[in-house]
Amino acid sequence: MFDRLSDKLAQVFKKLKDRGHLTEAQVTEALREVRLALLEADVNYKVTKSFIEQIRERAVGEEVLRSLTPAQQVIKIVHEELTALLGGESPKLDLSGRPPVALMLVGLQGSGKTTTAAKLAKRLKSQGRQPYLVPADVQRPAAIEQLKRLAADCQVGVYDTQPGQSPVAISDLAMEAAYSAGYDTVILDTAGRLHIDGPLMEEIKAIKGKVAPREIMLVADAMTGQDAVQVAQSFDDLLNLTGVILTKVEGDARGGAALSMRAVIGKPIKFLGVGEKLDALEVFHPDRLASRILGMGDVLTLIEKAQESFDAEQVKALEKKFRQEAFTLEDFRQQLLQIRKMGPLEGLLEMIPGLGKIKALKGAKPDERELKRVEAIILSMTPAERNNHQIINGSRRRRIAKGSGTTVEEVNRLLKNFAATQKMIKQMGKAGKRGRMPNLPGMFG
């Protein structure tokens, strides 16, 4: 997400840094390029105009132009204004009130509401809530079965919608069922509809009147750009939305919807759908996203993902092995599994400050299949071979390659890389004896 915009802004700021001291004319020229970059990213015209004026007002003052690092001051201002444009603070779900609390998801057909409902349920369950999914979409025949299947995957409760029930009746009866069963959060998956479809919009308005949801969130496809913003405006006019969940952001290289949504409809983006897996739902943090747009990375989100994925006891055991220089191929495989839980590698790399600016990595897309091949190679080894890779001779390498469906060259490459990793760990172990070992959540420090 934001790849094109990030590249354009990086070019603009590089020019500013190369000039040293800045004049008002140079700042104006830079802001003209920023404006064009935003418009090319499909950001709303009025939003872009207001945003540029806000920056100009702050960036042409004496405090910036006479600063020893004027370019850095301009970048700081852009970061602050981007954060403000995106909403300032991270919005939280309103889960107050007598349980069960109802959360209603609305949106157009194909925006990803059903999958998002399951993702939200899984997230809330991990936070100690007891979510209950409600299939209130009777327009799409497969929607009810899809949500029931996803509920089973998430191991959360789901209402057993019966044929012939109206969405309003489903929602009402589901609230009663949730109360009786002790669930504290009800997530209503409503039918996808066109915002110009009068009867369906009245139906969803009736659901709102019946269950009084604490949150009414629009699920919008980020890849539709300004169309998503217009849809949000229409739904907000009728339902008074409390927030937005943007889906498919991993496929949106422009980001116009995210940058325009808050300013146009005045409602916060609460979550980002960043993939198809059920854990691919991120809390929307305006300041962190602004940092990622400007190529500053997002270390806080990376740390949170590591904390969610890595078991604390495993980390302690791994650190002990590091100290004793006893790190094995089986340990290496376990770390790969933990890293894969954190999400797509491409997304993780974007969170590391400065990595996106390295030319060798620009546009590089890590091959997730490579990790699976490495895992297959290790699984084809005997326990003795995993614990001591030095016993793996030529015949063993041929057997491992055949068993994993790979080549001897790939097995050799893995063993060579692992030997280099062990060497690095030995150096770290020596450093740890002289001082304190770094705290390593898996392979990440």
Protein backbone atom coordinates (compact mmCIF):
# COMPACT_ATOMS: atom_id res chain seq x y z
CA MET A 1 0.00 0.00 0.00
CA PHE A 2 1.14 3.56 -0.83
CA ASP A 3 4.13 2.28 -2.83
CA ARG A 4 3.74 4.86 -5.59
CA LEU A 5 3.08 7.75 -3.22
CA SER A 6 6.02 6.76 -1.00
CA ASP A 7 8.36 6.68 -4.01
CA LYS A 8 7.23 10.11 -5.23
CA LEU A 9 7.54 11.70 -1.79
CA ALA A 10 11.00 10.16 -1.30
CA GLN A 11 12.14 11.83 -4.54
CA VAL A 12 10.73 15.21 -3.45
CA PHE A 13 12.41 15.08 -0.04
CA LYS A 14 15.73 13.95 -1.52
CA LYS A 15 15.80 17.12 -3.62
CA LEU A 16 15.13 19.21 -0.51
CA LYS A 17 17.92 17.53 1.43
CA ASP A 18 20.39 18.03 -1.42
CA ARG A 19 19.78 21.80 -1.39
CA GLY A 20 20.75 22.47 2.21
CA HIS A 21 19.20 25.83 3.07
CA LEU A 22 15.81 26.40 1.46
CA THR A 23 14.04 29.40 -0.02
CA GLU A 24 10.29 29.95 -0.05
CA ALA A 25 10.27 29.31 -3.81
CA GLN A 26 11.97 25.92 -3.33
CA VAL A 27 9.46 24.89 -0.66
CA THR A 28 6.60 25.99 -2.94
CA GLU A 29 8.02 23.89 -5.79
CA ALA A 30 8.37 20.88 -3.49
CA LEU A 31 4.77 21.26 -2.32
CA ARG A 32 3.60 21.42 -5.93
CA GLU A 33 5.24 18.03 -6.50
CA VAL A 34 3.69 16.66 -3.28
CA ARG A 35 0.29 17.88 -4.50
CA LEU A 36 0.72 16.07 -7.83
CA ALA A 37 1.83 12.91 -6.01
CA LEU A 38 -1.30 12.97 -3.85
CA LEU A 39 -3.60 13.51 -6.83
CA GLU A 40 -1.90 10.64 -8.69
CA ALA A 41 -2.52 8.50 -5.59
CA ASP A 42 -6.24 9.19 -6.08
CA VAL A 43 -6.59 11.42 -3.03
CA ASN A 44 -9.68 13.63 -3.05
CA TYR A 45 -8.97 17.00 -4.75
CA LYS A 46 -10.39 19.13 -1.91
CA VAL A 47 -8.54 17.07 0.68
CA THR A 48 -5.28 17.51 -1.25
CA LYS A 49 -5.76 21.27 -1.57
CA SER A 50 -6.47 21.71 2.15
CA PHE A 51 -3.55 19.44 3.10
CA ILE A 52 -1.04 21.37 0.98
CA GLU A 53 -2.25 24.70 2.37
CA GLN A 54 -1.78 23.44 5.93
CA ILE A 55 1.81 22.42 5.17
CA ARG A 56 2.57 25.64 3.29
CA GLU A 57 1.36 27.74 6.21
CA ARG A 58 3.82 26.02 8.54
CA ALA A 59 6.72 25.33 6.14
CA VAL A 60 7.45 28.81 4.80
CA GLY A 61 7.97 30.42 8.20
CA GLU A 62 11.33 31.66 9.43
CA GLU A 63 11.59 28.80 11.93
CA VAL A 64 11.86 26.34 9.01
CA LEU A 65 13.68 28.37 6.34
CA ARG A 66 16.39 29.54 8.75
CA SER A 67 16.76 26.17 10.45
CA LEU A 68 20.08 24.30 10.23
CA THR A 69 18.10 21.30 8.88
CA PRO A 70 15.20 22.85 6.93
CA ALA A 71 14.49 19.70 4.87
CA GLN A 72 14.08 17.63 8.03
CA GLN A 73 11.77 20.29 9.43
CA VAL A 74 9.60 20.13 6.30
CA ILE A 75 9.46 16.31 6.50
CA LYS A 76 8.49 16.58 10.17
CA ILE A 77 5.65 18.95 9.27
CA VAL A 78 4.44 16.65 6.48
CA HIS A 79 4.49 13.70 8.90
CA GLU A 80 2.45 15.62 11.48
CA GLU A 81 -0.08 16.83 8.90
CA LEU A 82 -0.38 13.34 7.38
CA THR A 83 -1.08 11.95 10.85
CA ALA A 84 -3.74 14.61 11.40
CA LEU A 85 -5.26 13.92 7.97
CA LEU A 86 -5.53 10.22 8.79
CA GLY A 87 -7.32 10.96 12.06
CA GLY A 88 -4.64 11.78 14.64
CA GLU A 89 -5.24 9.15 17.31
CA SER A 90 -5.96 5.44 16.94
CA PRO A 91 -9.73 4.94 17.30
CA LYS A 92 -11.00 2.20 19.60
CA LEU A 93 -14.07 0.00 19.33
CA ASP A 94 -16.94 1.03 21.58
CA LEU A 95 -17.72 -2.13 23.51
CA SER A 96 -19.39 -0.38 26.44
CA GLY A 97 -22.90 -1.07 27.65
CA ARG A 98 -24.84 -4.09 28.82
CA PRO A 99 -23.74 -7.28 27.02
CA PRO A 100 -24.21 -8.53 24.45
CA VAL A 101 -22.88 -5.49 22.59
CA ALA A 102 -23.82 -5.44 18.90
CA LEU A 103 -21.37 -4.52 16.12
CA MET A 104 -22.91 -4.21 12.65
CA LEU A 105 -20.93 -4.49 9.42
CA VAL A 106 -22.37 -2.91 6.27
CA GLY A 107 -21.10 -2.28 2.75
CA LEU A 108 -21.33 -3.08 -0.92
CA GLN A 109 -21.31 -6.53 -2.45
CA GLY A 110 -17.82 -8.01 -2.69
CA SER A 111 -16.19 -5.66 -0.19
CA GLY A 112 -15.22 -8.53 2.12
CA LYS A 113 -17.76 -8.16 4.95
CA THR A 114 -18.14 -11.87 5.75
CA THR A 115 -14.40 -12.52 6.00
CA THR A 116 -13.93 -9.27 7.93
CA ALA A 117 -16.62 -10.33 10.43
CA ALA A 118 -14.66 -13.53 11.13
CA LYS A 119 -11.35 -11.63 11.38
CA LEU A 120 -12.90 -9.22 13.87
CA ALA A 121 -14.32 -12.12 15.91
CA LYS A 122 -10.90 -13.79 16.05
CA ARG A 123 -9.24 -10.54 17.16
CA LEU A 124 -11.83 -9.92 19.89
CA LYS A 125 -11.52 -13.52 21.11
CA SER A 126 -7.76 -13.08 21.47
CA GLN A 127 -8.50 -10.07 23.68
CA GLY A 128 -10.68 -12.08 26.05
CA ARG A 129 -14.09 -11.28 24.55
CA GLN A 130 -16.74 -13.90 23.72
CA PRO A 131 -17.84 -13.03 20.15
CA TYR A 132 -20.94 -14.39 18.43
CA LEU A 133 -21.21 -14.23 14.64
CA VAL A 134 -24.58 -13.65 13.01
CA PRO A 135 -25.18 -14.48 9.30
CA ALA A 136 -27.83 -11.86 8.43
CA ASP A 137 -27.07 -11.94 4.69
CA VAL A 138 -29.93 -13.80 3.03
CA GLN A 139 -29.28 -12.24 -0.39
CA ARG A 140 -26.21 -14.37 -1.15
CA PRO A 141 -26.96 -18.09 -0.82
CA ALA A 142 -23.44 -19.12 0.18
CA ALA A 143 -22.92 -16.31 2.72
CA ILE A 144 -24.53 -18.14 5.65
CA GLU A 145 -22.51 -21.32 5.14
CA GLN A 146 -19.35 -19.30 4.57
CA LEU A 147 -19.71 -17.50 7.90
CA LYS A 148 -20.48 -20.76 9.72
CA ARG A 149 -17.33 -22.31 8.26
CA LEU A 150 -15.23 -19.28 9.24
CA ALA A 151 -16.72 -19.33 12.74
CA ALA A 152 -15.58 -22.94 13.09
CA ASP A 153 -12.08 -21.96 11.94
CA CYS A 154 -12.00 -19.18 14.55
CA GLN A 155 -13.65 -21.39 17.19
CA VAL A 156 -16.30 -18.80 18.00
CA GLY A 157 -20.08 -19.03 18.34
CA VAL A 158 -22.39 -18.53 15.35
CA TYR A 159 -26.15 -18.10 15.10
CA ASP A 160 -27.97 -20.88 13.25
CA THR A 161 -29.88 -18.85 10.67
CA GLN A 162 -32.98 -20.68 9.42
CA PRO A 163 -34.43 -20.53 5.88
CA GLY A 164 -37.20 -17.96 5.45
CA GLN A 165 -36.11 -15.69 8.30
CA SER A 166 -35.84 -11.99 7.50
CA PRO A 167 -32.58 -10.15 8.31
CA VAL A 168 -34.38 -8.08 10.95
CA ALA A 169 -35.78 -11.21 12.63
CA ILE A 170 -32.39 -12.95 12.40
CA SER A 171 -30.66 -10.03 14.12
CA ASP A 172 -33.29 -9.79 16.87
CA LEU A 173 -33.35 -13.53 17.61
CA ALA A 174 -29.54 -13.70 17.50
CA MET A 175 -29.28 -11.03 20.20
CA GLU A 176 -31.58 -13.09 22.42
CA ALA A 177 -29.60 -16.27 21.69
CA ALA A 178 -26.31 -14.51 22.48
CA TYR A 179 -27.69 -13.21 25.78
CA SER A 180 -28.93 -16.66 26.80
CA ALA A 181 -25.63 -18.33 25.90
CA GLY A 182 -23.47 -15.74 27.68
CA TYR A 183 -21.78 -14.14 24.67
CA ASP A 184 -20.73 -10.52 25.21
CA THR A 185 -20.20 -9.33 21.61
CA VAL A 186 -22.49 -9.88 18.61
CA ILE A 187 -21.10 -9.25 15.12
CA LEU A 188 -23.80 -8.84 12.47
CA ASP A 189 -22.81 -9.71 8.91
CA THR A 190 -25.42 -7.93 6.77
CA ALA A 191 -26.09 -8.37 3.06
CA GLY A 192 -23.96 -6.54 0.54
CA ARG A 193 -26.01 -3.92 -1.24
CA LEU A 194 -25.80 -1.05 -3.66
CA HIS A 195 -26.08 2.30 -1.89
CA ILE A 196 -28.78 3.28 -4.39
CA ASP A 197 -30.89 0.19 -3.54
CA GLY A 198 -33.71 1.78 -1.51
CA PRO A 199 -35.44 -1.33 -0.07
CA LEU A 200 -32.20 -2.95 1.09
CA MET A 201 -30.99 0.28 2.66
CA GLU A 202 -34.30 0.58 4.54
CA GLU A 203 -33.85 -3.01 5.69
CA ILE A 204 -30.47 -2.28 7.23
CA LYS A 205 -31.94 0.83 8.83
CA ALA A 206 -34.60 -1.41 10.40
CA ILE A 207 -31.88 -3.73 11.78
CA LYS A 208 -30.22 -0.71 13.37
CA GLY A 209 -33.50 0.30 14.99
CA LYS A 210 -34.08 -3.22 16.33
CA VAL A 211 -30.70 -4.09 17.86
CA ALA A 212 -29.22 -0.60 18.53
CA PRO A 213 -25.60 -1.52 17.63
CA ARG A 214 -22.80 0.29 19.47
CA GLU A 215 -20.76 0.28 16.26
CA ILE A 216 -21.92 0.51 12.65
CA MET A 217 -18.84 0.01 10.51
CA LEU A 218 -18.63 0.26 6.75
CA VAL A 219 -16.46 -2.42 5.14
CA ALA A 220 -15.00 -0.76 2.04
CA ASP A 221 -12.67 -2.04 -0.68
CA ALA A 222 -9.57 0.21 -0.63
CA MET A 223 -8.81 -0.63 -4.26
CA THR A 224 -11.92 1.27 -5.43
CA GLY A 225 -10.32 4.56 -4.34
CA GLN A 226 -12.66 7.57 -4.39
CA ASP A 227 -15.64 5.32 -5.11
CA ALA A 228 -15.14 3.86 -1.62
CA VAL A 229 -15.25 7.39 -0.17
CA GLN A 230 -18.50 8.19 -2.02
CA VAL A 231 -20.03 4.91 -0.81
CA ALA A 232 -19.01 5.76 2.75
CA GLN A 233 -20.70 9.15 2.45
CA SER A 234 -23.96 7.53 1.27
CA PHE A 235 -24.00 4.96 4.08
CA ASP A 236 -23.10 7.60 6.64
CA ASP A 237 -25.96 9.86 5.54
CA LEU A 238 -28.45 7.04 6.21
CA LEU A 239 -26.94 5.18 9.17
CA ASN A 240 -24.54 7.61 10.88
CA LEU A 241 -21.51 5.31 10.70
CA THR A 242 -19.15 5.02 13.66
CA GLY A 243 -16.17 3.95 11.58
CA VAL A 244 -14.70 2.27 8.51
CA ILE A 245 -12.79 -0.96 7.89
CA LEU A 246 -10.70 -0.79 4.70
CA THR A 247 -10.11 -4.16 3.06
CA LYS A 248 -7.69 -5.36 0.36
CA VAL A 249 -5.18 -2.64 1.23
CA GLU A 250 -2.31 -5.01 0.38
CA GLY A 251 -3.34 -4.71 -3.28
CA ASP A 252 -3.78 -0.94 -3.28
CA ALA A 253 -0.57 0.80 -4.40
CA ARG A 254 -2.18 4.26 -4.36
CA GLY A 255 -3.95 4.64 -1.00
CA GLY A 256 -6.34 7.43 -2.02
CA ALA A 257 -9.26 5.99 -0.05
CA ALA A 258 -7.32 5.81 3.23
CA LEU A 259 -6.03 9.36 2.86
CA SER A 260 -9.41 10.84 1.92
CA MET A 261 -11.87 8.90 4.07
CA ARG A 262 -11.52 10.69 7.43
CA ALA A 263 -11.43 14.17 5.92
CA VAL A 264 -14.47 13.63 3.67
CA ILE A 265 -16.91 11.80 5.97
CA GLY A 266 -15.46 12.76 9.36
CA LYS A 267 -15.49 9.14 10.60
CA PRO A 268 -12.37 7.18 11.61
CA ILE A 269 -10.82 4.20 9.87
CA LYS A 270 -10.67 1.57 12.61
CA PHE A 271 -9.07 -1.44 10.93
CA LEU A 272 -7.15 -2.40 7.80
CA GLY A 273 -7.62 -5.77 6.10
CA VAL A 274 -4.13 -6.70 4.91
CA GLY A 275 -4.60 -10.19 3.51
CA GLU A 276 -6.88 -13.20 3.21
CA LYS A 277 -5.86 -15.00 6.41
CA LEU A 278 -8.08 -14.64 9.47
CA ASP A 279 -5.36 -12.86 11.44
CA ALA A 280 -4.73 -10.33 8.64
CA LEU A 281 -6.60 -7.47 10.32
CA GLU A 282 -4.57 -4.56 11.70
CA VAL A 283 -5.66 -1.77 14.00
CA PHE A 284 -5.44 1.53 12.11
CA HIS A 285 -2.73 3.76 13.61
CA PRO A 286 -2.57 7.15 11.80
CA ASP A 287 0.90 8.04 13.06
CA ARG A 288 2.37 4.67 12.14
CA LEU A 289 0.80 4.72 8.68
CA ALA A 290 2.14 8.23 8.11
CA SER A 291 5.61 6.93 8.99
CA ARG A 292 5.28 4.08 6.52
CA ILE A 293 4.15 6.44 3.76
CA LEU A 294 7.24 8.59 4.36
CA GLY A 295 9.56 5.56 4.36
CA MET A 296 10.21 5.67 8.11
CA GLY A 297 9.01 2.12 8.73
CA ASP A 298 6.67 0.96 11.48
CA VAL A 299 8.68 -0.63 14.25
CA LEU A 300 5.85 -0.57 16.83
CA THR A 301 3.54 -2.68 14.65
CA LEU A 302 6.42 -5.06 13.88
CA ILE A 303 7.07 -5.50 17.62
CA GLU A 304 3.37 -6.09 18.31
CA LYS A 305 3.22 -8.74 15.59
CA ALA A 306 6.28 -10.44 17.08
CA GLN A 307 4.77 -10.36 20.57
CA GLU A 308 1.54 -11.91 19.26
CA SER A 309 3.35 -14.63 17.30
CA PHE A 310 6.23 -15.62 19.58
CA ASP A 311 5.69 -17.53 22.81
CA ALA A 312 7.56 -15.94 25.74
CA GLU A 313 8.77 -19.30 27.07
CA GLN A 314 10.05 -20.30 23.61
CA VAL A 315 11.96 -17.02 23.39
CA LYS A 316 13.63 -17.67 26.77
CA ALA A 317 14.54 -21.21 25.73
CA LEU A 318 15.93 -19.94 22.44
CA GLU A 319 18.04 -17.28 24.18
CA LYS A 320 19.45 -19.99 26.45
CA LYS A 321 20.41 -22.03 23.37
CA PHE A 322 22.03 -18.94 21.88
CA ARG A 323 24.14 -18.53 25.01
CA GLN A 324 25.15 -22.19 24.95
CA GLU A 325 25.75 -22.13 21.18
CA ALA A 326 23.29 -25.01 20.82
CA PHE A 327 21.04 -23.60 18.07
CA THR A 328 19.96 -26.45 15.75
CA LEU A 329 18.17 -26.84 12.43
CA GLU A 330 15.01 -27.85 14.32
CA ASP A 331 15.20 -24.54 16.24
CA PHE A 332 15.68 -22.78 12.92
CA ARG A 333 12.55 -24.46 11.53
CA GLN A 334 10.51 -23.44 14.57
CA GLN A 335 11.61 -19.83 14.08
CA LEU A 336 10.53 -19.91 10.43
CA LEU A 337 7.08 -21.11 11.52
CA GLN A 338 6.81 -18.24 14.02
CA ILE A 339 7.88 -15.67 11.42
CA ARG A 340 5.28 -16.97 8.96
CA LYS A 341 2.60 -16.40 11.61
CA MET A 342 3.48 -12.70 11.61
CA GLY A 343 2.10 -12.24 8.10
CA PRO A 344 3.43 -11.79 4.55
CA LEU A 345 7.20 -11.20 4.44
CA GLU A 346 6.75 -8.28 2.07
CA GLY A 347 4.60 -6.49 4.66
CA LEU A 348 7.14 -7.16 7.43
CA LEU A 349 9.99 -5.71 5.36
CA GLU A 350 8.02 -2.50 4.83
CA MET A 351 7.91 -1.98 8.60
CA ILE A 352 11.69 -1.94 8.99
CA PRO A 353 12.94 1.68 8.80
CA GLY A 354 15.12 2.44 5.79
CA LEU A 355 14.71 -0.96 4.16
CA GLY A 356 12.40 0.40 1.47
CA LYS A 357 15.08 2.87 0.40
CA ILE A 358 17.69 0.20 -0.35
CA LYS A 359 17.90 -0.08 -4.14
CA ALA A 360 18.69 -3.79 -4.06
CA LEU A 361 15.42 -4.44 -2.24
CA LYS A 362 13.29 -1.94 -4.15
CA GLY A 363 10.35 -3.77 -5.64
CA ALA A 364 11.65 -7.10 -4.37
CA LYS A 365 8.89 -9.51 -3.42
CA PRO A 366 10.04 -12.24 -1.00
CA ASP A 367 8.95 -15.68 -2.17
CA GLU A 368 6.87 -17.24 0.62
CA ARG A 369 7.22 -20.61 -1.13
CA GLU A 370 10.95 -20.55 -0.41
CA LEU A 371 10.23 -20.80 3.32
CA LYS A 372 8.03 -23.83 2.69
CA ARG A 373 10.83 -25.49 0.68
CA VAL A 374 13.30 -24.84 3.52
CA GLU A 375 10.83 -26.35 5.97
CA ALA A 376 10.36 -29.40 3.71
CA ILE A 377 14.14 -29.94 3.55
CA ILE A 378 14.48 -29.85 7.36
CA LEU A 379 11.47 -32.15 7.82
CA SER A 380 13.16 -34.69 5.51
CA MET A 381 16.08 -34.94 7.91
CA THR A 382 16.33 -37.41 10.79
CA PRO A 383 16.30 -36.02 14.37
CA ALA A 384 20.03 -36.69 14.59
CA GLU A 385 20.68 -34.70 11.40
CA ARG A 386 18.60 -31.75 12.63
CA ASN A 387 20.55 -31.68 15.90
CA ASN A 388 23.95 -31.99 14.21
CA HIS A 389 24.05 -30.84 10.59
CA GLN A 390 27.74 -31.73 10.29
CA ILE A 391 26.93 -35.44 9.95
CA ILE A 392 25.03 -34.76 6.73
CA ASN A 393 27.32 -36.22 4.05
CA GLY A 394 26.79 -36.58 0.30
CA SER A 395 24.49 -39.62 0.42
CA ARG A 396 22.39 -38.07 3.18
CA ARG A 397 22.05 -34.88 1.15
CA ARG A 398 20.78 -36.85 -1.84
CA ARG A 399 18.26 -38.66 0.36
CA ILE A 400 17.06 -35.39 1.93
CA ALA A 401 16.69 -33.73 -1.48
CA LYS A 402 14.66 -36.64 -2.81
CA GLY A 403 12.45 -36.77 0.29
CA SER A 404 11.70 -33.02 0.21
CA GLY A 405 11.15 -32.77 -3.54
CA THR A 406 14.08 -30.36 -3.89
CA THR A 407 17.60 -30.53 -5.30
CA VAL A 408 20.94 -31.29 -3.70
CA GLU A 409 21.98 -27.72 -4.56
CA GLU A 410 19.08 -26.37 -2.45
CA VAL A 411 20.03 -28.63 0.45
CA ASN A 412 23.64 -27.44 0.19
CA ARG A 413 22.51 -23.81 0.14
CA LEU A 414 20.41 -24.27 3.28
CA LEU A 415 23.25 -25.96 5.15
CA LYS A 416 25.69 -23.24 4.08
CA ASN A 417 23.32 -20.50 5.24
CA PHE A 418 22.68 -22.31 8.50
CA ALA A 419 26.42 -22.66 9.15
CA ALA A 420 26.75 -18.89 8.63
CA THR A 421 23.87 -18.33 11.08
CA GLN A 422 25.56 -20.54 13.67
CA LYS A 423 28.78 -18.57 13.25
CA MET A 424 26.89 -15.32 13.86
CA ILE A 425 25.23 -16.82 16.95
CA LYS A 426 28.62 -17.84 18.35
CA GLN A 427 29.80 -14.25 17.97
CA MET A 428 26.66 -13.07 19.74
CA GLY A 429 27.27 -15.63 22.47
CA LYS A 430 30.75 -14.26 23.08
CA ALA A 431 29.32 -10.74 23.20
CA GLY A 432 26.70 -11.97 25.66
CA LYS A 433 29.37 -13.34 28.00
CA ARG A 434 31.00 -9.92 28.03
CA GLY A 435 27.70 -8.14 28.60
CA ARG A 436 23.99 -8.67 28.10
CA MET A 437 22.59 -10.76 25.29
CA PRO A 438 20.09 -8.89 23.14
CA ASN A 439 16.46 -9.81 23.80
CA LEU A 440 15.42 -11.75 20.70
CA PRO A 441 11.77 -12.44 19.89
CA GLY A 442 12.64 -15.37 17.64
CA MET A 443 15.01 -14.26 14.88
CA PHE A 444 13.98 -10.61 15.35
CA GLY A 445 15.83 -8.31 17.77
